[in-house]
Amino acid sequence: MAISKATVAKNAACNAIVDLVDTNAPGSLKIYGSILPAPSTLLTSFTLNNPAFGSASDGTAVANAITPSSATADGTASTFTVYDGNSAPIFSGTVSATGFGGDLQFNSVDFRVGTPLAITSAKFIVPA
C-alpha cells in the first residue's frame, strides 16, 4: 500500500515550501535553456510578488500575479528554478510547450532576445 497524506498534511507541506520563496523577498523564477544541473543558459528571469504564492488548497498553491518579462538570451526553454530573495534555489521543474506536460508551459519554448514573455498561471503541487 502506498503512503498517502491527509489534505491538512499536503497543505502544510505545500505552504512550508512556497513560503520559503518569500525569504528576503522578492523571489524570482528563472528559465533555462538546458537540463539542470548541467551548465545552462539563463533565458529570462521573472520577479515574484511577496507573497509569491497563495495559501494551499488540497496540496496546491497558486502563484500570485507574476510581472511579465522578456527573453534575455536565445534558446529553447527546458527547465525553471524558483529562488528566494537570497538567490537560494527552492524548487525546479520542466518547461514545455502548451499541452506537452511540462511543469510550466508556454505557447512556444523557442525564446528569442527581446521577445515578451508572460506567465498566466503557475502552481506548486504536493501530491497525495
N, C-alpha and C. Protein backbone atom coordinates (compact mmCIF):
# COMPACT_ATOMS: atom_id res chain seq x y z
N MET A 1 0.84 -1.18 0.00
CA MET A 1 0.00 0.00 0.00
C MET A 1 0.89 1.24 0.00
N ALA A 2 0.59 2.17 -0.88
CA ALA A 2 1.35 3.42 -0.97
C ALA A 2 0.97 4.34 0.20
N ILE A 3 1.93 5.13 0.63
CA ILE A 3 1.68 6.11 1.68
C ILE A 3 0.89 7.26 1.08
N SER A 4 -0.13 7.70 1.79
CA SER A 4 -0.88 8.86 1.34
C SER A 4 -0.90 9.90 2.45
N LYS A 5 -1.16 11.15 2.06
CA LYS A 5 -1.17 12.25 3.01
C LYS A 5 -2.58 12.81 3.12
N ALA A 6 -2.98 13.15 4.34
CA ALA A 6 -4.25 13.83 4.54
C ALA A 6 -4.14 15.23 3.94
N THR A 7 -5.27 15.82 3.59
CA THR A 7 -5.27 17.16 3.00
C THR A 7 -4.55 18.16 3.88
N VAL A 8 -4.77 18.10 5.19
CA VAL A 8 -4.12 19.04 6.10
C VAL A 8 -2.60 18.91 6.02
N ALA A 9 -2.10 17.69 5.85
CA ALA A 9 -0.66 17.48 5.73
C ALA A 9 -0.14 17.98 4.38
N LYS A 10 -0.88 17.71 3.30
CA LYS A 10 -0.47 18.21 1.98
C LYS A 10 -0.40 19.74 1.99
N ASN A 11 -1.42 20.37 2.59
CA ASN A 11 -1.43 21.83 2.64
C ASN A 11 -0.29 22.38 3.47
N ALA A 12 -0.01 21.75 4.61
CA ALA A 12 1.09 22.22 5.47
C ALA A 12 2.43 22.10 4.74
N ALA A 13 2.65 20.98 4.05
CA ALA A 13 3.90 20.79 3.31
C ALA A 13 4.01 21.81 2.17
N CYS A 14 2.94 21.98 1.45
CA CYS A 14 2.93 22.91 0.32
C CYS A 14 3.20 24.33 0.79
N ASN A 15 2.49 24.77 1.83
CA ASN A 15 2.68 26.13 2.35
C ASN A 15 4.10 26.34 2.87
N ALA A 16 4.66 25.34 3.54
CA ALA A 16 6.02 25.47 4.07
C ALA A 16 7.03 25.67 2.94
N ILE A 17 6.85 24.96 1.84
CA ILE A 17 7.79 25.08 0.73
C ILE A 17 7.64 26.42 0.02
N VAL A 18 6.41 26.79 -0.36
CA VAL A 18 6.26 28.05 -1.11
C VAL A 18 6.55 29.26 -0.24
N ASP A 19 6.37 29.15 1.08
CA ASP A 19 6.71 30.28 1.96
C ASP A 19 8.22 30.55 1.98
N LEU A 20 9.03 29.55 1.66
CA LEU A 20 10.48 29.76 1.58
C LEU A 20 10.85 30.75 0.48
N VAL A 21 10.03 30.82 -0.55
CA VAL A 21 10.30 31.74 -1.67
C VAL A 21 10.30 33.19 -1.18
N ASP A 22 9.53 33.47 -0.13
CA ASP A 22 9.40 34.83 0.36
C ASP A 22 10.53 35.27 1.28
N THR A 23 11.49 34.39 1.55
CA THR A 23 12.65 34.77 2.36
C THR A 23 13.41 35.88 1.64
N ASN A 24 13.58 37.00 2.32
CA ASN A 24 14.22 38.18 1.71
C ASN A 24 13.59 38.52 0.37
N ALA A 25 12.26 38.49 0.32
CA ALA A 25 11.51 38.73 -0.92
C ALA A 25 11.96 40.03 -1.59
N PRO A 26 11.85 40.15 -2.89
CA PRO A 26 11.11 39.24 -3.75
C PRO A 26 11.96 38.07 -4.23
N GLY A 27 11.28 36.96 -4.46
CA GLY A 27 11.94 35.81 -5.07
C GLY A 27 11.90 35.97 -6.59
N SER A 28 12.40 34.96 -7.26
CA SER A 28 12.40 35.01 -8.72
C SER A 28 12.16 33.63 -9.31
N LEU A 29 11.74 33.62 -10.56
CA LEU A 29 11.58 32.40 -11.33
C LEU A 29 12.45 32.58 -12.57
N LYS A 30 13.42 31.69 -12.73
CA LYS A 30 14.36 31.80 -13.85
C LYS A 30 14.18 30.61 -14.78
N ILE A 31 14.21 30.90 -16.06
CA ILE A 31 14.03 29.86 -17.07
C ILE A 31 15.36 29.65 -17.81
N TYR A 32 15.71 28.37 -17.94
CA TYR A 32 17.00 27.98 -18.51
C TYR A 32 16.82 27.18 -19.79
N GLY A 33 17.88 27.19 -20.60
CA GLY A 33 17.84 26.55 -21.90
C GLY A 33 18.54 25.21 -21.99
N SER A 34 18.77 24.54 -20.88
CA SER A 34 19.30 23.17 -20.93
C SER A 34 18.91 22.46 -19.65
N ILE A 35 19.13 21.18 -19.63
CA ILE A 35 18.73 20.36 -18.48
C ILE A 35 19.67 20.63 -17.31
N LEU A 36 19.08 20.98 -16.16
CA LEU A 36 19.87 21.18 -14.94
C LEU A 36 20.22 19.83 -14.34
N PRO A 37 21.30 19.65 -13.62
CA PRO A 37 22.20 20.67 -13.12
C PRO A 37 23.38 20.98 -14.04
N ALA A 38 23.35 20.47 -15.27
CA ALA A 38 24.43 20.78 -16.21
C ALA A 38 24.48 22.29 -16.45
N PRO A 39 25.62 22.81 -16.88
CA PRO A 39 25.69 24.24 -17.20
C PRO A 39 24.57 24.59 -18.17
N SER A 40 23.93 25.72 -17.94
CA SER A 40 22.78 26.08 -18.75
C SER A 40 22.78 27.57 -19.06
N THR A 41 21.96 27.94 -20.01
CA THR A 41 21.84 29.33 -20.40
C THR A 41 20.60 29.93 -19.76
N LEU A 42 20.76 31.02 -19.04
CA LEU A 42 19.62 31.74 -18.48
C LEU A 42 18.93 32.48 -19.61
N LEU A 43 17.66 32.14 -19.85
CA LEU A 43 16.91 32.75 -20.94
C LEU A 43 16.09 33.95 -20.49
N THR A 44 15.60 33.92 -19.26
CA THR A 44 14.83 35.03 -18.72
C THR A 44 14.64 34.86 -17.22
N SER A 45 14.28 35.94 -16.57
CA SER A 45 14.02 35.92 -15.13
C SER A 45 12.76 36.73 -14.85
N PHE A 46 11.88 36.17 -14.05
CA PHE A 46 10.66 36.84 -13.63
C PHE A 46 10.78 37.18 -12.15
N THR A 47 10.38 38.38 -11.76
CA THR A 47 10.34 38.77 -10.35
C THR A 47 8.99 38.35 -9.78
N LEU A 48 9.02 37.68 -8.63
CA LEU A 48 7.79 37.21 -7.99
C LEU A 48 7.30 38.23 -6.97
N ASN A 49 6.02 38.22 -6.71
CA ASN A 49 5.43 39.09 -5.70
C ASN A 49 5.73 38.57 -4.31
N ASN A 50 5.42 39.37 -3.31
CA ASN A 50 5.55 38.96 -1.91
C ASN A 50 4.18 39.12 -1.26
N PRO A 51 3.48 38.04 -0.95
CA PRO A 51 3.93 36.65 -1.05
C PRO A 51 3.86 36.17 -2.50
N ALA A 52 4.72 35.21 -2.81
CA ALA A 52 4.80 34.68 -4.16
C ALA A 52 3.62 33.75 -4.49
N PHE A 53 3.11 33.05 -3.47
CA PHE A 53 2.03 32.09 -3.67
C PHE A 53 0.93 32.32 -2.64
N GLY A 54 -0.29 31.96 -3.03
CA GLY A 54 -1.40 31.97 -2.10
C GLY A 54 -1.36 30.73 -1.22
N SER A 55 -2.28 30.66 -0.28
CA SER A 55 -2.37 29.52 0.62
C SER A 55 -2.81 28.27 -0.14
N ALA A 56 -2.26 27.14 0.27
CA ALA A 56 -2.55 25.88 -0.40
C ALA A 56 -3.98 25.41 -0.16
N SER A 57 -4.52 24.78 -1.18
CA SER A 57 -5.82 24.12 -1.10
C SER A 57 -5.65 22.76 -1.74
N ASP A 58 -5.96 21.71 -1.00
CA ASP A 58 -5.79 20.33 -1.46
C ASP A 58 -4.37 20.08 -1.98
N GLY A 59 -3.39 20.69 -1.30
CA GLY A 59 -1.99 20.45 -1.63
C GLY A 59 -1.47 21.26 -2.80
N THR A 60 -2.23 22.24 -3.26
CA THR A 60 -1.82 23.06 -4.41
C THR A 60 -1.82 24.53 -4.03
N ALA A 61 -0.68 25.20 -4.28
CA ALA A 61 -0.57 26.64 -4.07
C ALA A 61 -0.43 27.29 -5.44
N VAL A 62 -1.24 28.30 -5.69
CA VAL A 62 -1.22 29.01 -6.97
C VAL A 62 -0.40 30.29 -6.79
N ALA A 63 0.46 30.56 -7.77
CA ALA A 63 1.29 31.77 -7.71
C ALA A 63 0.42 33.00 -7.83
N ASN A 64 0.78 34.02 -7.07
CA ASN A 64 0.16 35.33 -7.25
C ASN A 64 0.66 35.90 -8.57
N ALA A 65 0.07 36.99 -9.03
CA ALA A 65 0.43 37.58 -10.32
C ALA A 65 1.94 37.71 -10.46
N ILE A 66 2.45 37.37 -11.63
CA ILE A 66 3.88 37.45 -11.92
C ILE A 66 4.09 38.51 -12.99
N THR A 67 4.98 39.45 -12.70
CA THR A 67 5.26 40.54 -13.64
C THR A 67 5.85 39.99 -14.93
N PRO A 68 5.31 40.39 -16.09
CA PRO A 68 5.87 39.92 -17.37
C PRO A 68 7.35 40.29 -17.50
N SER A 69 8.03 39.58 -18.38
CA SER A 69 9.45 39.79 -18.63
C SER A 69 9.68 39.66 -20.13
N SER A 70 10.92 39.64 -20.52
CA SER A 70 11.26 39.36 -21.91
C SER A 70 12.53 38.52 -21.93
N ALA A 71 12.70 37.79 -23.01
CA ALA A 71 13.87 36.92 -23.13
C ALA A 71 15.15 37.76 -23.17
N THR A 72 16.16 37.30 -22.45
CA THR A 72 17.46 37.98 -22.43
C THR A 72 18.52 37.20 -23.20
N ALA A 73 18.15 36.01 -23.69
CA ALA A 73 19.05 35.19 -24.49
C ALA A 73 18.21 34.33 -25.43
N ASP A 74 18.82 33.90 -26.51
CA ASP A 74 18.16 32.98 -27.44
C ASP A 74 18.33 31.55 -26.94
N GLY A 75 17.29 30.74 -27.09
CA GLY A 75 17.41 29.33 -26.74
C GLY A 75 16.07 28.66 -26.63
N THR A 76 16.11 27.37 -26.40
CA THR A 76 14.91 26.57 -26.20
C THR A 76 14.74 26.32 -24.72
N ALA A 77 13.66 26.85 -24.15
CA ALA A 77 13.41 26.70 -22.72
C ALA A 77 13.18 25.24 -22.37
N SER A 78 13.83 24.78 -21.28
CA SER A 78 13.64 23.38 -20.88
C SER A 78 13.45 23.20 -19.38
N THR A 79 13.98 24.11 -18.57
CA THR A 79 13.82 23.98 -17.12
C THR A 79 13.60 25.35 -16.49
N PHE A 80 13.08 25.32 -15.27
CA PHE A 80 12.96 26.55 -14.49
C PHE A 80 13.36 26.25 -13.06
N THR A 81 13.77 27.29 -12.36
CA THR A 81 14.04 27.19 -10.93
C THR A 81 13.43 28.42 -10.27
N VAL A 82 12.80 28.19 -9.12
CA VAL A 82 12.27 29.28 -8.30
C VAL A 82 13.25 29.50 -7.16
N TYR A 83 13.64 30.76 -6.97
CA TYR A 83 14.63 31.15 -5.97
C TYR A 83 14.00 32.06 -4.93
N ASP A 84 14.55 32.07 -3.73
CA ASP A 84 14.13 33.06 -2.74
C ASP A 84 14.87 34.37 -3.01
N GLY A 85 14.62 35.38 -2.18
CA GLY A 85 15.24 36.68 -2.37
C GLY A 85 16.74 36.70 -2.15
N ASN A 86 17.29 35.62 -1.57
CA ASN A 86 18.74 35.48 -1.39
C ASN A 86 19.37 34.70 -2.54
N SER A 87 18.59 34.38 -3.56
CA SER A 87 19.02 33.58 -4.72
C SER A 87 19.30 32.13 -4.36
N ALA A 88 18.71 31.64 -3.27
CA ALA A 88 18.81 30.22 -2.93
C ALA A 88 17.71 29.47 -3.67
N PRO A 89 18.05 28.37 -4.35
CA PRO A 89 17.02 27.62 -5.09
C PRO A 89 16.05 26.95 -4.12
N ILE A 90 14.75 27.02 -4.45
CA ILE A 90 13.71 26.43 -3.63
C ILE A 90 13.11 25.21 -4.31
N PHE A 91 12.73 25.33 -5.59
CA PHE A 91 12.26 24.16 -6.34
C PHE A 91 12.46 24.40 -7.83
N SER A 92 12.51 23.31 -8.58
CA SER A 92 12.75 23.36 -10.02
C SER A 92 11.75 22.48 -10.74
N GLY A 93 11.64 22.67 -12.03
CA GLY A 93 10.76 21.84 -12.84
C GLY A 93 11.08 21.96 -14.31
N THR A 94 10.23 21.34 -15.11
CA THR A 94 10.43 21.33 -16.56
C THR A 94 9.58 22.40 -17.23
N VAL A 95 10.02 22.81 -18.40
CA VAL A 95 9.28 23.76 -19.23
C VAL A 95 8.97 23.06 -20.54
N SER A 96 7.75 23.23 -21.02
CA SER A 96 7.39 22.67 -22.32
C SER A 96 6.41 23.61 -23.01
N ALA A 97 6.13 23.30 -24.27
CA ALA A 97 5.06 23.99 -24.98
C ALA A 97 3.73 23.52 -24.39
N THR A 98 2.72 24.35 -24.53
CA THR A 98 1.39 24.03 -24.01
C THR A 98 0.93 22.66 -24.53
N GLY A 99 0.46 21.83 -23.58
CA GLY A 99 -0.06 20.53 -23.94
C GLY A 99 0.97 19.41 -23.96
N PHE A 100 2.24 19.72 -23.67
CA PHE A 100 3.29 18.71 -23.73
C PHE A 100 3.79 18.27 -22.36
N GLY A 101 3.06 18.61 -21.29
CA GLY A 101 3.31 18.03 -19.98
C GLY A 101 4.34 18.69 -19.09
N GLY A 102 4.91 19.82 -19.49
CA GLY A 102 5.87 20.48 -18.63
C GLY A 102 5.22 21.04 -17.38
N ASP A 103 6.02 21.20 -16.33
CA ASP A 103 5.51 21.78 -15.10
C ASP A 103 5.11 23.24 -15.30
N LEU A 104 5.77 23.91 -16.22
CA LEU A 104 5.46 25.28 -16.61
C LEU A 104 5.37 25.27 -18.13
N GLN A 105 4.26 25.79 -18.68
CA GLN A 105 4.04 25.69 -20.12
C GLN A 105 3.89 27.07 -20.76
N PHE A 106 4.48 27.20 -21.94
CA PHE A 106 4.38 28.42 -22.75
C PHE A 106 3.83 28.04 -24.12
N ASN A 107 3.27 29.02 -24.83
CA ASN A 107 2.81 28.76 -26.19
C ASN A 107 3.95 28.25 -27.05
N SER A 108 5.15 28.78 -26.84
CA SER A 108 6.34 28.36 -27.56
C SER A 108 7.52 28.34 -26.59
N VAL A 109 8.39 27.34 -26.73
CA VAL A 109 9.60 27.28 -25.90
C VAL A 109 10.81 27.82 -26.65
N ASP A 110 10.57 28.37 -27.82
CA ASP A 110 11.63 28.98 -28.63
C ASP A 110 11.74 30.44 -28.22
N PHE A 111 12.67 30.75 -27.32
CA PHE A 111 12.83 32.10 -26.79
C PHE A 111 13.87 32.84 -27.62
N ARG A 112 13.58 34.10 -27.95
CA ARG A 112 14.50 34.96 -28.68
C ARG A 112 14.65 36.27 -27.91
N VAL A 113 15.87 36.82 -27.89
CA VAL A 113 16.15 38.06 -27.15
C VAL A 113 15.08 39.10 -27.47
N GLY A 114 14.54 39.69 -26.41
CA GLY A 114 13.57 40.76 -26.54
C GLY A 114 12.12 40.31 -26.67
N THR A 115 11.89 39.00 -26.90
CA THR A 115 10.53 38.51 -27.01
C THR A 115 9.81 38.67 -25.69
N PRO A 116 8.64 39.34 -25.66
CA PRO A 116 7.89 39.48 -24.42
C PRO A 116 7.39 38.11 -23.94
N LEU A 117 7.45 37.89 -22.64
CA LEU A 117 7.03 36.62 -22.04
C LEU A 117 6.13 36.90 -20.84
N ALA A 118 5.10 36.09 -20.69
CA ALA A 118 4.20 36.24 -19.55
C ALA A 118 3.85 34.85 -19.02
N ILE A 119 3.73 34.76 -17.70
CA ILE A 119 3.25 33.54 -17.05
C ILE A 119 1.86 33.86 -16.55
N THR A 120 0.87 33.19 -17.12
CA THR A 120 -0.51 33.47 -16.74
C THR A 120 -0.98 32.61 -15.59
N SER A 121 -0.30 31.48 -15.35
CA SER A 121 -0.68 30.60 -14.25
C SER A 121 0.52 29.73 -13.88
N ALA A 122 0.77 29.64 -12.58
CA ALA A 122 1.83 28.76 -12.08
C ALA A 122 1.36 28.16 -10.76
N LYS A 123 1.66 26.89 -10.55
CA LYS A 123 1.23 26.19 -9.34
C LYS A 123 2.39 25.38 -8.77
N PHE A 124 2.34 25.16 -7.46
CA PHE A 124 3.22 24.20 -6.81
C PHE A 124 2.30 23.17 -6.18
N ILE A 125 2.52 21.88 -6.47
CA ILE A 125 1.63 20.83 -6.03
C ILE A 125 2.37 19.80 -5.19
N VAL A 126 1.82 19.47 -4.01
CA VAL A 126 2.30 18.37 -3.19
C VAL A 126 1.35 17.20 -3.47
N PRO A 127 1.84 16.13 -4.06
CA PRO A 127 0.94 15.02 -4.42
C PRO A 127 0.47 14.24 -3.20
N ALA A 128 -0.60 13.51 -3.40
CA ALA A 128 -1.15 12.66 -2.34
C ALA A 128 -0.14 11.61 -1.98
